[in-house]
Amino acid sequence: MTNKQIKPVRKQSILNELLSREEWARIRKPVISSFLILHCTLNYCYLFNNHPYINNVNHFFFGYYAFMGLEQAWNVFAPEPRSYNPHLTAIVTYQDGTSKLWNYPRMERLDFFTKIPKERYRKFFDDNAAWLIPAVWPDIARYAARISYERKDNPPKFVTLTRFSSTILPMEAGLKKPNLPQSETKVLGVYLITDKDLAGVKLK
C-alpha cells in the first residue's frame, strides 16, 4: 500500500465562485473604469455643489458617499462659513470621588507639524460628534474612561460629556472685538462605566 501525498484543498474566493478567470479578465477593465469614473464624478459634484441637478446627485448618493468616508461639507468657506466654535470635554469621576478633565487633541493648542496628523480629531469631535451624532457619545465616554484609567484600586465610575461653544463674530466685528469666550455650555450626558468597559486596559 503506497502513501499518496494529499494536496491541501484551496478555498475559492467568492469572486472565483461567481466568475471564472476568463470572464473576470474580460470584464475587469470596464468594471474598474466605471468605479473610478463614478467616484471622480461624485468628487466633482461635491466640489461644485452649486446647481439643482448636482444637488440632486449629491442627495441621491449621500448615504454611499458618507459610508465610504468621502463626504465633505465646506462649512468653513464662503458664502456661509460656520458661525460657532465648539469642543467636547469629558469629566471622568473615579471611585474615590475625585475627578479628572479629559480633552482630545485640540488643533489651536498644537504647533503646526504636530496638528497635521491629528486633524482627524477636530473633524470627528468638533464637526460631527459634538452636534450631529449622539449615538457615538457612549463610545466617547468609554474611550475617555479607558484612557484615564490609571490605578486598579480606583477605576473610573462616571463620565460626563460636556460641549462648550461660542459664536464666531463676523470679520468686521472681529477686527474691533475678539471672539467671545466659549461660555455656552451643554451637558450631553452622564455615562456609567462598568468593569466590562475597562476590560483589557493595561495599567502603567
N, C-alpha and C. Protein backbone atom coordinates (compact mmCIF):
# COMPACT_ATOMS: atom_id res chain seq x y z
N MET A 1 0.86 -1.19 0.00
CA MET A 1 0.00 0.00 0.00
C MET A 1 0.89 1.23 0.00
N THR A 2 0.73 2.07 -0.97
CA THR A 2 1.59 3.24 -1.10
C THR A 2 0.93 4.44 -0.47
N ASN A 3 1.80 5.26 0.07
CA ASN A 3 1.30 6.50 0.66
C ASN A 3 1.20 7.56 -0.42
N LYS A 4 0.05 8.10 -0.59
CA LYS A 4 -0.14 9.16 -1.57
C LYS A 4 -0.14 10.51 -0.87
N GLN A 5 0.53 11.44 -1.50
CA GLN A 5 0.61 12.79 -0.93
C GLN A 5 -0.73 13.50 -1.12
N ILE A 6 -1.26 13.91 -0.04
CA ILE A 6 -2.54 14.61 -0.08
C ILE A 6 -2.30 16.10 -0.23
N LYS A 7 -2.80 16.68 -1.27
CA LYS A 7 -2.63 18.10 -1.50
C LYS A 7 -3.74 18.87 -0.80
N PRO A 8 -3.38 19.94 -0.14
CA PRO A 8 -4.43 20.73 0.53
C PRO A 8 -5.38 21.35 -0.47
N VAL A 9 -6.63 21.40 -0.10
CA VAL A 9 -7.65 21.98 -0.96
C VAL A 9 -7.72 23.47 -0.70
N ARG A 10 -7.52 24.27 -1.72
CA ARG A 10 -7.58 25.71 -1.59
C ARG A 10 -9.02 26.18 -1.66
N LYS A 11 -9.38 27.01 -0.73
CA LYS A 11 -10.73 27.56 -0.72
C LYS A 11 -10.86 28.62 -1.80
N GLN A 12 -11.90 28.52 -2.58
CA GLN A 12 -12.13 29.50 -3.61
C GLN A 12 -12.74 30.76 -3.02
N SER A 13 -12.33 31.88 -3.55
CA SER A 13 -12.92 33.14 -3.12
C SER A 13 -14.32 33.28 -3.69
N ILE A 14 -15.05 34.22 -3.15
CA ILE A 14 -16.42 34.47 -3.63
C ILE A 14 -16.40 34.87 -5.10
N LEU A 15 -15.36 35.66 -5.47
CA LEU A 15 -15.26 36.11 -6.86
C LEU A 15 -15.05 34.93 -7.80
N ASN A 16 -14.21 33.97 -7.38
CA ASN A 16 -13.97 32.80 -8.21
C ASN A 16 -15.21 31.93 -8.34
N GLU A 17 -16.03 31.91 -7.31
CA GLU A 17 -17.26 31.13 -7.38
C GLU A 17 -18.28 31.76 -8.31
N LEU A 18 -18.27 33.08 -8.41
CA LEU A 18 -19.23 33.77 -9.27
C LEU A 18 -18.76 33.85 -10.71
N LEU A 19 -17.46 34.07 -10.90
CA LEU A 19 -16.92 34.27 -12.24
C LEU A 19 -15.69 33.41 -12.44
N SER A 20 -15.52 32.97 -13.64
CA SER A 20 -14.28 32.27 -13.98
C SER A 20 -13.19 33.30 -14.25
N ARG A 21 -11.95 32.82 -14.32
CA ARG A 21 -10.84 33.74 -14.58
C ARG A 21 -10.98 34.42 -15.93
N GLU A 22 -11.47 33.67 -16.89
CA GLU A 22 -11.62 34.24 -18.23
C GLU A 22 -12.69 35.33 -18.25
N GLU A 23 -13.79 35.08 -17.55
CA GLU A 23 -14.86 36.09 -17.50
C GLU A 23 -14.42 37.34 -16.77
N TRP A 24 -13.69 37.17 -15.64
CA TRP A 24 -13.20 38.33 -14.90
C TRP A 24 -12.17 39.11 -15.71
N ALA A 25 -11.29 38.41 -16.43
CA ALA A 25 -10.31 39.09 -17.27
C ALA A 25 -10.97 39.90 -18.37
N ARG A 26 -12.14 39.44 -18.80
CA ARG A 26 -12.83 40.14 -19.88
C ARG A 26 -13.55 41.39 -19.39
N ILE A 27 -14.06 41.36 -18.15
CA ILE A 27 -14.88 42.49 -17.69
C ILE A 27 -14.18 43.37 -16.66
N ARG A 28 -12.99 43.01 -16.22
CA ARG A 28 -12.39 43.75 -15.10
C ARG A 28 -12.06 45.19 -15.47
N LYS A 29 -11.59 45.43 -16.69
CA LYS A 29 -11.26 46.80 -17.07
C LYS A 29 -12.50 47.68 -17.12
N PRO A 30 -13.60 47.25 -17.74
CA PRO A 30 -14.81 48.10 -17.69
C PRO A 30 -15.34 48.32 -16.27
N VAL A 31 -15.27 47.28 -15.41
CA VAL A 31 -15.77 47.42 -14.04
C VAL A 31 -14.92 48.41 -13.25
N ILE A 32 -13.61 48.27 -13.32
CA ILE A 32 -12.71 49.17 -12.59
C ILE A 32 -12.83 50.59 -13.12
N SER A 33 -12.91 50.72 -14.45
CA SER A 33 -13.04 52.05 -15.05
C SER A 33 -14.35 52.72 -14.64
N SER A 34 -15.43 51.94 -14.61
CA SER A 34 -16.73 52.50 -14.19
C SER A 34 -16.68 52.95 -12.73
N PHE A 35 -16.02 52.16 -11.89
CA PHE A 35 -15.89 52.52 -10.47
C PHE A 35 -15.13 53.84 -10.32
N LEU A 36 -14.02 53.99 -11.04
CA LEU A 36 -13.23 55.22 -10.96
C LEU A 36 -14.00 56.42 -11.52
N ILE A 37 -14.71 56.20 -12.62
CA ILE A 37 -15.48 57.30 -13.21
C ILE A 37 -16.58 57.75 -12.26
N LEU A 38 -17.24 56.78 -11.58
CA LEU A 38 -18.28 57.13 -10.61
C LEU A 38 -17.74 58.01 -9.51
N HIS A 39 -16.60 57.62 -8.95
CA HIS A 39 -16.06 58.40 -7.83
C HIS A 39 -15.51 59.75 -8.29
N CYS A 40 -14.92 59.81 -9.44
CA CYS A 40 -14.47 61.11 -9.97
C CYS A 40 -15.67 62.03 -10.19
N THR A 41 -16.77 61.47 -10.68
CA THR A 41 -17.98 62.27 -10.89
C THR A 41 -18.55 62.76 -9.57
N LEU A 42 -18.58 61.88 -8.56
CA LEU A 42 -19.08 62.29 -7.24
C LEU A 42 -18.20 63.37 -6.63
N ASN A 43 -16.88 63.23 -6.77
CA ASN A 43 -15.97 64.26 -6.26
C ASN A 43 -16.23 65.60 -6.95
N TYR A 44 -16.44 65.56 -8.25
CA TYR A 44 -16.74 66.79 -8.98
C TYR A 44 -18.03 67.42 -8.46
N CYS A 45 -19.06 66.59 -8.24
CA CYS A 45 -20.34 67.11 -7.77
C CYS A 45 -20.21 67.74 -6.39
N TYR A 46 -19.42 67.14 -5.52
CA TYR A 46 -19.27 67.69 -4.17
C TYR A 46 -18.40 68.93 -4.17
N LEU A 47 -17.48 69.05 -5.11
CA LEU A 47 -16.64 70.24 -5.17
C LEU A 47 -17.40 71.43 -5.76
N PHE A 48 -18.34 71.17 -6.67
CA PHE A 48 -19.07 72.23 -7.35
C PHE A 48 -20.56 72.06 -7.11
N ASN A 49 -20.91 72.14 -5.83
CA ASN A 49 -22.31 71.93 -5.43
C ASN A 49 -23.08 73.23 -5.54
N ASN A 50 -23.30 73.69 -6.78
CA ASN A 50 -23.94 74.99 -6.99
C ASN A 50 -25.02 74.93 -8.07
N HIS A 51 -25.60 73.77 -8.28
CA HIS A 51 -26.62 73.62 -9.31
C HIS A 51 -27.69 72.65 -8.80
N PRO A 52 -28.95 72.90 -9.12
CA PRO A 52 -30.01 71.99 -8.63
C PRO A 52 -29.80 70.55 -9.04
N TYR A 53 -29.34 70.29 -10.27
CA TYR A 53 -29.11 68.92 -10.71
C TYR A 53 -27.99 68.27 -9.90
N ILE A 54 -26.94 69.03 -9.62
CA ILE A 54 -25.84 68.50 -8.83
C ILE A 54 -26.30 68.24 -7.40
N ASN A 55 -27.14 69.11 -6.85
CA ASN A 55 -27.69 68.87 -5.51
C ASN A 55 -28.48 67.57 -5.46
N ASN A 56 -29.23 67.28 -6.53
CA ASN A 56 -29.99 66.03 -6.58
C ASN A 56 -29.07 64.82 -6.61
N VAL A 57 -27.97 64.92 -7.36
CA VAL A 57 -27.00 63.82 -7.41
C VAL A 57 -26.38 63.60 -6.04
N ASN A 58 -25.99 64.69 -5.38
CA ASN A 58 -25.39 64.56 -4.05
C ASN A 58 -26.37 63.96 -3.05
N HIS A 59 -27.62 64.37 -3.14
CA HIS A 59 -28.63 63.83 -2.22
C HIS A 59 -28.85 62.34 -2.46
N PHE A 60 -28.86 61.92 -3.71
CA PHE A 60 -29.11 60.51 -4.04
C PHE A 60 -27.96 59.62 -3.55
N PHE A 61 -26.71 60.08 -3.69
CA PHE A 61 -25.55 59.26 -3.34
C PHE A 61 -24.99 59.57 -1.96
N PHE A 62 -25.70 60.40 -1.17
CA PHE A 62 -25.10 60.84 0.10
C PHE A 62 -24.80 59.68 1.03
N GLY A 63 -25.73 58.74 1.18
CA GLY A 63 -25.51 57.61 2.08
C GLY A 63 -24.28 56.81 1.70
N TYR A 64 -24.13 56.53 0.42
CA TYR A 64 -22.96 55.78 -0.06
C TYR A 64 -21.69 56.58 0.14
N TYR A 65 -21.74 57.87 -0.19
CA TYR A 65 -20.55 58.71 -0.10
C TYR A 65 -20.10 58.87 1.35
N ALA A 66 -21.05 59.04 2.25
CA ALA A 66 -20.72 59.17 3.67
C ALA A 66 -20.19 57.84 4.23
N PHE A 67 -20.77 56.72 3.80
CA PHE A 67 -20.31 55.41 4.26
C PHE A 67 -18.86 55.16 3.84
N MET A 68 -18.48 55.62 2.67
CA MET A 68 -17.11 55.44 2.18
C MET A 68 -16.14 56.43 2.83
N GLY A 69 -16.65 57.35 3.65
CA GLY A 69 -15.78 58.31 4.32
C GLY A 69 -15.31 59.44 3.43
N LEU A 70 -16.04 59.72 2.35
CA LEU A 70 -15.62 60.73 1.38
C LEU A 70 -16.43 62.02 1.48
N GLU A 71 -17.48 62.02 2.30
CA GLU A 71 -18.33 63.21 2.40
C GLU A 71 -17.55 64.38 2.98
N GLN A 72 -17.75 65.55 2.38
CA GLN A 72 -17.06 66.75 2.84
C GLN A 72 -18.01 67.92 2.79
N ALA A 73 -18.24 68.54 3.93
CA ALA A 73 -19.06 69.76 3.99
C ALA A 73 -18.13 70.96 4.08
N TRP A 74 -18.38 71.92 3.23
CA TRP A 74 -17.48 73.09 3.16
C TRP A 74 -17.99 74.20 4.08
N ASN A 75 -18.12 73.89 5.36
CA ASN A 75 -18.73 74.84 6.30
C ASN A 75 -17.81 75.98 6.69
N VAL A 76 -16.51 75.85 6.44
CA VAL A 76 -15.60 76.91 6.87
C VAL A 76 -15.31 77.89 5.75
N PHE A 77 -15.97 77.73 4.60
CA PHE A 77 -15.73 78.60 3.47
C PHE A 77 -16.95 79.45 3.16
N ALA A 78 -16.73 80.52 2.42
CA ALA A 78 -17.81 81.39 1.99
C ALA A 78 -18.72 80.63 1.02
N PRO A 79 -19.97 81.07 0.81
CA PRO A 79 -20.53 82.33 1.32
C PRO A 79 -21.11 82.24 2.73
N GLU A 80 -21.26 81.04 3.30
CA GLU A 80 -21.84 80.92 4.64
C GLU A 80 -20.91 80.08 5.51
N PRO A 81 -19.84 80.66 6.01
CA PRO A 81 -18.93 79.90 6.87
C PRO A 81 -19.58 79.57 8.21
N ARG A 82 -19.02 78.61 8.89
CA ARG A 82 -19.57 78.17 10.17
C ARG A 82 -19.51 79.31 11.18
N SER A 83 -20.55 79.45 11.97
CA SER A 83 -20.66 80.59 12.88
C SER A 83 -20.51 80.19 14.35
N TYR A 84 -20.02 78.98 14.63
CA TYR A 84 -19.82 78.55 16.01
C TYR A 84 -18.47 77.86 16.14
N ASN A 85 -17.99 77.79 17.36
CA ASN A 85 -16.65 77.26 17.63
C ASN A 85 -16.73 76.29 18.81
N PRO A 86 -17.07 75.01 18.55
CA PRO A 86 -17.32 74.08 19.66
C PRO A 86 -16.11 73.22 20.01
N HIS A 87 -16.15 72.61 21.18
CA HIS A 87 -15.25 71.50 21.51
C HIS A 87 -15.87 70.68 22.64
N LEU A 88 -15.50 69.42 22.70
CA LEU A 88 -16.01 68.49 23.70
C LEU A 88 -14.99 68.27 24.81
N THR A 89 -15.48 68.08 26.01
CA THR A 89 -14.63 67.67 27.12
C THR A 89 -15.33 66.54 27.87
N ALA A 90 -14.56 65.78 28.62
CA ALA A 90 -15.12 64.71 29.43
C ALA A 90 -14.57 64.83 30.85
N ILE A 91 -15.46 64.82 31.83
CA ILE A 91 -15.06 64.80 33.23
C ILE A 91 -15.18 63.37 33.73
N VAL A 92 -14.05 62.77 34.04
CA VAL A 92 -14.01 61.38 34.49
C VAL A 92 -14.02 61.37 36.01
N THR A 93 -15.04 60.76 36.59
CA THR A 93 -15.18 60.66 38.05
C THR A 93 -14.78 59.26 38.49
N TYR A 94 -13.84 59.21 39.45
CA TYR A 94 -13.31 57.93 39.91
C TYR A 94 -14.10 57.41 41.11
N GLN A 95 -13.75 56.19 41.51
CA GLN A 95 -14.45 55.51 42.60
C GLN A 95 -14.33 56.26 43.92
N ASP A 96 -13.18 56.92 44.17
CA ASP A 96 -13.00 57.62 45.43
C ASP A 96 -13.59 59.03 45.42
N GLY A 97 -14.26 59.42 44.35
CA GLY A 97 -14.90 60.73 44.27
C GLY A 97 -14.09 61.79 43.58
N THR A 98 -12.82 61.54 43.31
CA THR A 98 -12.00 62.51 42.60
C THR A 98 -12.38 62.51 41.11
N SER A 99 -11.98 63.54 40.42
CA SER A 99 -12.33 63.66 39.01
C SER A 99 -11.13 64.16 38.21
N LYS A 100 -11.21 63.97 36.91
CA LYS A 100 -10.14 64.36 36.00
C LYS A 100 -10.76 64.87 34.71
N LEU A 101 -10.20 65.96 34.19
CA LEU A 101 -10.69 66.53 32.94
C LEU A 101 -9.93 65.90 31.78
N TRP A 102 -10.68 65.33 30.82
CA TRP A 102 -10.06 64.73 29.63
C TRP A 102 -10.39 65.57 28.42
N ASN A 103 -9.37 65.88 27.63
CA ASN A 103 -9.53 66.62 26.39
C ASN A 103 -8.88 65.85 25.26
N TYR A 104 -9.51 65.85 24.10
CA TYR A 104 -8.85 65.31 22.91
C TYR A 104 -7.87 66.36 22.37
N PRO A 105 -6.97 66.00 21.48
CA PRO A 105 -6.03 67.00 20.94
C PRO A 105 -6.77 68.11 20.21
N ARG A 106 -6.60 69.34 20.68
CA ARG A 106 -7.26 70.49 20.07
C ARG A 106 -6.25 71.24 19.21
N MET A 107 -6.63 71.48 17.96
CA MET A 107 -5.70 71.98 16.96
C MET A 107 -5.11 73.34 17.31
N GLU A 108 -5.93 74.20 17.94
CA GLU A 108 -5.44 75.54 18.24
C GLU A 108 -4.39 75.55 19.34
N ARG A 109 -4.21 74.41 20.01
CA ARG A 109 -3.22 74.32 21.08
C ARG A 109 -1.97 73.54 20.67
N LEU A 110 -1.90 73.15 19.41
CA LEU A 110 -0.77 72.37 18.92
C LEU A 110 0.03 73.18 17.92
N ASP A 111 1.31 72.84 17.80
CA ASP A 111 2.12 73.51 16.79
C ASP A 111 1.79 72.95 15.42
N PHE A 112 2.33 73.58 14.38
CA PHE A 112 1.93 73.29 13.00
C PHE A 112 2.17 71.82 12.63
N PHE A 113 3.36 71.31 12.91
CA PHE A 113 3.70 69.96 12.47
C PHE A 113 3.03 68.89 13.33
N THR A 114 2.68 69.22 14.58
CA THR A 114 2.03 68.25 15.44
C THR A 114 0.56 68.06 15.06
N LYS A 115 -0.09 69.15 14.66
CA LYS A 115 -1.53 69.06 14.41
C LYS A 115 -1.90 68.46 13.06
N ILE A 116 -0.94 68.40 12.12
CA ILE A 116 -1.26 67.86 10.79
C ILE A 116 -1.79 66.43 10.88
N PRO A 117 -1.10 65.49 11.54
CA PRO A 117 -1.65 64.12 11.60
C PRO A 117 -2.81 63.97 12.57
N LYS A 118 -3.08 64.97 13.41
CA LYS A 118 -4.15 64.88 14.40
C LYS A 118 -5.39 65.66 13.99
N GLU A 119 -5.42 66.16 12.76
CA GLU A 119 -6.55 66.94 12.30
C GLU A 119 -7.85 66.12 12.33
N ARG A 120 -7.73 64.81 12.23
CA ARG A 120 -8.93 63.96 12.24
C ARG A 120 -9.70 64.10 13.55
N TYR A 121 -9.01 64.44 14.65
CA TYR A 121 -9.71 64.61 15.93
C TYR A 121 -10.66 65.80 15.86
N ARG A 122 -10.22 66.90 15.26
CA ARG A 122 -11.09 68.06 15.13
C ARG A 122 -12.30 67.73 14.26
N LYS A 123 -12.06 67.01 13.17
CA LYS A 123 -13.16 66.65 12.27
C LYS A 123 -14.18 65.78 12.98
N PHE A 124 -13.71 64.79 13.72
CA PHE A 124 -14.62 63.86 14.38
C PHE A 124 -15.35 64.52 15.54
N PHE A 125 -14.61 65.17 16.45
CA PHE A 125 -15.22 65.69 17.67
C PHE A 125 -15.96 67.01 17.41
N ASP A 126 -15.30 68.00 16.81
CA ASP A 126 -15.90 69.32 16.65
C ASP A 126 -17.01 69.35 15.61
N ASP A 127 -16.72 68.80 14.43
CA ASP A 127 -17.67 68.93 13.32
C ASP A 127 -18.81 67.92 13.38
N ASN A 128 -18.56 66.76 13.97
CA ASN A 128 -19.56 65.70 13.90
C ASN A 128 -20.11 65.31 15.27
N ALA A 129 -19.26 64.76 16.14
CA ALA A 129 -19.74 64.19 17.40
C ALA A 129 -20.39 65.23 18.30
N ALA A 130 -19.87 66.44 18.32
CA ALA A 130 -20.39 67.46 19.24
C ALA A 130 -21.81 67.87 18.90
N TRP A 131 -22.24 67.68 17.66
CA TRP A 131 -23.55 68.19 17.24
C TRP A 131 -24.44 67.13 16.60
N LEU A 132 -23.88 66.29 15.75
CA LEU A 132 -24.70 65.53 14.82
C LEU A 132 -24.88 64.06 15.16
N ILE A 133 -23.98 63.47 15.94
CA ILE A 133 -24.01 62.02 16.10
C ILE A 133 -24.06 61.65 17.58
N PRO A 134 -25.20 61.80 18.24
CA PRO A 134 -25.29 61.42 19.66
C PRO A 134 -25.10 59.93 19.89
N ALA A 135 -25.24 59.12 18.84
CA ALA A 135 -25.07 57.67 19.00
C ALA A 135 -23.65 57.29 19.41
N VAL A 136 -22.67 58.16 19.13
CA VAL A 136 -21.28 57.84 19.47
C VAL A 136 -20.88 58.38 20.84
N TRP A 137 -21.75 59.12 21.52
CA TRP A 137 -21.39 59.69 22.82
C TRP A 137 -21.04 58.62 23.85
N PRO A 138 -21.80 57.51 23.97
CA PRO A 138 -21.39 56.48 24.93
C PRO A 138 -20.01 55.90 24.63
N ASP A 139 -19.69 55.73 23.35
CA ASP A 139 -18.38 55.20 22.99
C ASP A 139 -17.27 56.19 23.35
N ILE A 140 -17.53 57.49 23.14
CA ILE A 140 -16.54 58.50 23.52
C ILE A 140 -16.33 58.49 25.03
N ALA A 141 -17.42 58.33 25.79
CA ALA A 141 -17.31 58.28 27.25
C ALA A 141 -16.48 57.08 27.68
N ARG A 142 -16.73 55.92 27.07
CA ARG A 142 -15.94 54.73 27.42
C ARG A 142 -14.48 54.91 27.04
N TYR A 143 -14.23 55.54 25.89
CA TYR A 143 -12.84 55.78 25.48
C TYR A 143 -12.13 56.70 26.47
N ALA A 144 -12.81 57.78 26.88
CA ALA A 144 -12.21 58.70 27.85
C ALA A 144 -11.93 57.99 29.17
N ALA A 145 -12.83 57.09 29.58
CA ALA A 145 -12.62 56.34 30.82
C ALA A 145 -11.42 55.41 30.70
N ARG A 146 -11.29 54.74 29.58
CA ARG A 146 -10.17 53.80 29.40
C ARG A 146 -8.83 54.55 29.34
N ILE A 147 -8.83 55.70 28.69
CA ILE A 147 -7.61 56.50 28.61
C ILE A 147 -7.21 57.02 29.99
N SER A 148 -8.21 57.31 30.82
CA SER A 148 -7.95 57.91 32.13
C SER A 148 -7.81 56.87 33.25
N TYR A 149 -7.90 55.60 32.93
CA TYR A 149 -7.80 54.53 33.93
C TYR A 149 -6.32 54.32 34.27
N GLU A 150 -5.93 54.70 35.49
CA GLU A 150 -4.52 54.67 35.88
C GLU A 150 -4.23 53.76 37.08
N ARG A 151 -5.20 53.59 37.96
CA ARG A 151 -5.00 52.78 39.17
C ARG A 151 -6.08 51.72 39.28
N LYS A 152 -5.67 50.49 39.53
CA LYS A 152 -6.62 49.39 39.60
C LYS A 152 -7.56 49.52 40.78
N ASP A 153 -7.08 50.12 41.87
CA ASP A 153 -7.92 50.26 43.06
C ASP A 153 -8.81 51.50 43.01
N ASN A 154 -8.72 52.26 41.91
CA ASN A 154 -9.53 53.47 41.80
C ASN A 154 -10.00 53.65 40.35
N PRO A 155 -10.89 52.78 39.88
CA PRO A 155 -11.33 52.85 38.49
C PRO A 155 -12.33 53.98 38.24
N PRO A 156 -12.45 54.44 37.00
CA PRO A 156 -13.49 55.41 36.67
C PRO A 156 -14.88 54.82 36.83
N LYS A 157 -15.81 55.62 37.34
CA LYS A 157 -17.17 55.17 37.56
C LYS A 157 -18.20 55.94 36.72
N PHE A 158 -17.92 57.21 36.46
CA PHE A 158 -18.83 58.01 35.66
C PHE A 158 -18.01 58.88 34.71
N VAL A 159 -18.60 59.17 33.56
CA VAL A 159 -18.02 60.12 32.62
C VAL A 159 -19.10 61.09 32.19
N THR A 160 -18.83 62.38 32.35
CA THR A 160 -19.76 63.42 31.95
C THR A 160 -19.24 64.12 30.71
N LEU A 161 -19.98 64.03 29.62
CA LEU A 161 -19.59 64.70 28.38
C LEU A 161 -20.23 66.09 28.33
N THR A 162 -19.40 67.08 28.05
CA THR A 162 -19.87 68.47 28.02
C THR A 162 -19.39 69.13 26.74
N ARG A 163 -20.28 69.89 26.12
CA ARG A 163 -19.92 70.65 24.92
C ARG A 163 -19.83 72.13 25.26
N PHE A 164 -18.71 72.72 24.93
CA PHE A 164 -18.52 74.16 25.05
C PHE A 164 -18.54 74.76 23.64
N SER A 165 -19.13 75.92 23.52
CA SER A 165 -19.17 76.58 22.22
C SER A 165 -19.31 78.08 22.39
N SER A 166 -18.98 78.79 21.35
CA SER A 166 -19.15 80.24 21.32
C SER A 166 -19.44 80.66 19.90
N THR A 167 -19.99 81.85 19.76
CA THR A 167 -20.31 82.40 18.45
C THR A 167 -19.06 83.02 17.84
N ILE A 168 -18.79 82.69 16.58
CA ILE A 168 -17.69 83.31 15.85
C ILE A 168 -18.21 84.61 15.25
N LEU A 169 -17.64 85.71 15.65
CA LEU A 169 -18.11 87.01 15.19
C LEU A 169 -17.73 87.23 13.72
N PRO A 170 -18.53 88.00 12.98
CA PRO A 170 -18.15 88.35 11.61
C PRO A 170 -16.82 89.07 11.57
N MET A 171 -16.18 89.07 10.40
CA MET A 171 -14.85 89.66 10.30
C MET A 171 -14.85 91.13 10.69
N GLU A 172 -15.91 91.86 10.30
CA GLU A 172 -15.95 93.28 10.62
C GLU A 172 -15.98 93.51 12.12
N ALA A 173 -16.78 92.72 12.83
CA ALA A 173 -16.86 92.85 14.28
C ALA A 173 -15.61 92.28 14.95
N GLY A 174 -15.03 91.22 14.34
CA GLY A 174 -13.86 90.60 14.93
C GLY A 174 -12.65 91.50 14.94
N LEU A 175 -12.58 92.44 13.99
CA LEU A 175 -11.45 93.37 13.97
C LEU A 175 -11.52 94.34 15.13
N LYS A 176 -12.72 94.60 15.62
CA LYS A 176 -12.89 95.53 16.72
C LYS A 176 -12.95 94.83 18.07
N LYS A 177 -13.46 93.59 18.05
CA LYS A 177 -13.65 92.86 19.31
C LYS A 177 -13.28 91.40 19.10
N PRO A 178 -12.48 90.81 19.96
CA PRO A 178 -12.10 89.40 19.78
C PRO A 178 -13.29 88.47 19.93
N ASN A 179 -13.12 87.23 19.48
CA ASN A 179 -14.20 86.24 19.61
C ASN A 179 -14.60 86.05 21.06
N LEU A 180 -15.86 85.78 21.25
CA LEU A 180 -16.37 85.57 22.59
C LEU A 180 -15.78 84.30 23.19
N PRO A 181 -15.61 84.25 24.51
CA PRO A 181 -15.12 83.02 25.13
C PRO A 181 -16.13 81.90 24.98
N GLN A 182 -15.65 80.66 25.09
CA GLN A 182 -16.54 79.51 24.92
C GLN A 182 -17.32 79.29 26.22
N SER A 183 -18.33 80.13 26.40
CA SER A 183 -19.10 80.13 27.64
C SER A 183 -20.43 79.41 27.51
N GLU A 184 -20.84 79.06 26.28
CA GLU A 184 -22.09 78.34 26.11
C GLU A 184 -21.83 76.87 26.40
N THR A 185 -22.44 76.35 27.46
CA THR A 185 -22.16 75.00 27.95
C THR A 185 -23.41 74.14 27.90
N LYS A 186 -23.23 72.90 27.47
CA LYS A 186 -24.34 71.94 27.43
C LYS A 186 -23.81 70.57 27.84
N VAL A 187 -24.42 69.99 28.86
CA VAL A 187 -24.07 68.63 29.27
C VAL A 187 -24.77 67.65 28.33
N LEU A 188 -23.99 66.85 27.62
CA LEU A 188 -24.54 65.92 26.64
C LEU A 188 -25.01 64.62 27.28
N GLY A 189 -24.44 64.27 28.43
CA GLY A 189 -24.86 63.05 29.09
C GLY A 189 -23.89 62.61 30.15
N VAL A 190 -24.38 61.83 31.11
CA VAL A 190 -23.56 61.23 32.16
C VAL A 190 -23.66 59.72 31.97
N TYR A 191 -22.51 59.06 31.84
CA TYR A 191 -22.48 57.65 31.47
C TYR A 191 -21.80 56.84 32.57
N LEU A 192 -22.46 55.75 32.94
CA LEU A 192 -21.93 54.84 33.95
C LEU A 192 -20.89 53.93 33.30
N ILE A 193 -19.75 53.79 33.95
CA ILE A 193 -18.66 52.94 33.44
C ILE A 193 -18.63 51.64 34.25
N THR A 194 -18.71 50.52 33.56
CA THR A 194 -18.71 49.22 34.20
C THR A 194 -17.34 48.56 34.08
N ASP A 195 -17.17 47.47 34.80
CA ASP A 195 -15.91 46.72 34.71
C ASP A 195 -15.69 46.18 33.30
N LYS A 196 -16.77 45.85 32.60
CA LYS A 196 -16.65 45.36 31.24
C LYS A 196 -16.07 46.44 30.32
N ASP A 197 -16.45 47.70 30.55
CA ASP A 197 -15.93 48.80 29.73
C ASP A 197 -14.43 48.96 29.89
N LEU A 198 -13.89 48.59 31.05
CA LEU A 198 -12.47 48.77 31.35
C LEU A 198 -11.66 47.50 31.12
N ALA A 199 -12.31 46.44 30.68
CA ALA A 199 -11.61 45.17 30.49
C ALA A 199 -10.52 45.30 29.43
N GLY A 200 -9.35 44.74 29.74
CA GLY A 200 -8.25 44.74 28.78
C GLY A 200 -7.35 45.95 28.81
N VAL A 201 -7.65 46.94 29.66
CA VAL A 201 -6.80 48.13 29.75
C VAL A 201 -5.52 47.76 30.49
N LYS A 202 -4.38 48.09 29.89
CA LYS A 202 -3.08 47.81 30.52
C LYS A 202 -2.67 49.04 31.33
N LEU A 203 -2.58 48.86 32.62
CA LEU A 203 -2.19 49.97 33.50
C LEU A 203 -0.68 50.12 33.52
N LYS A 204 -0.24 51.36 33.67
CA LYS A 204 1.19 51.63 33.70
C LYS A 204 1.78 51.21 35.05
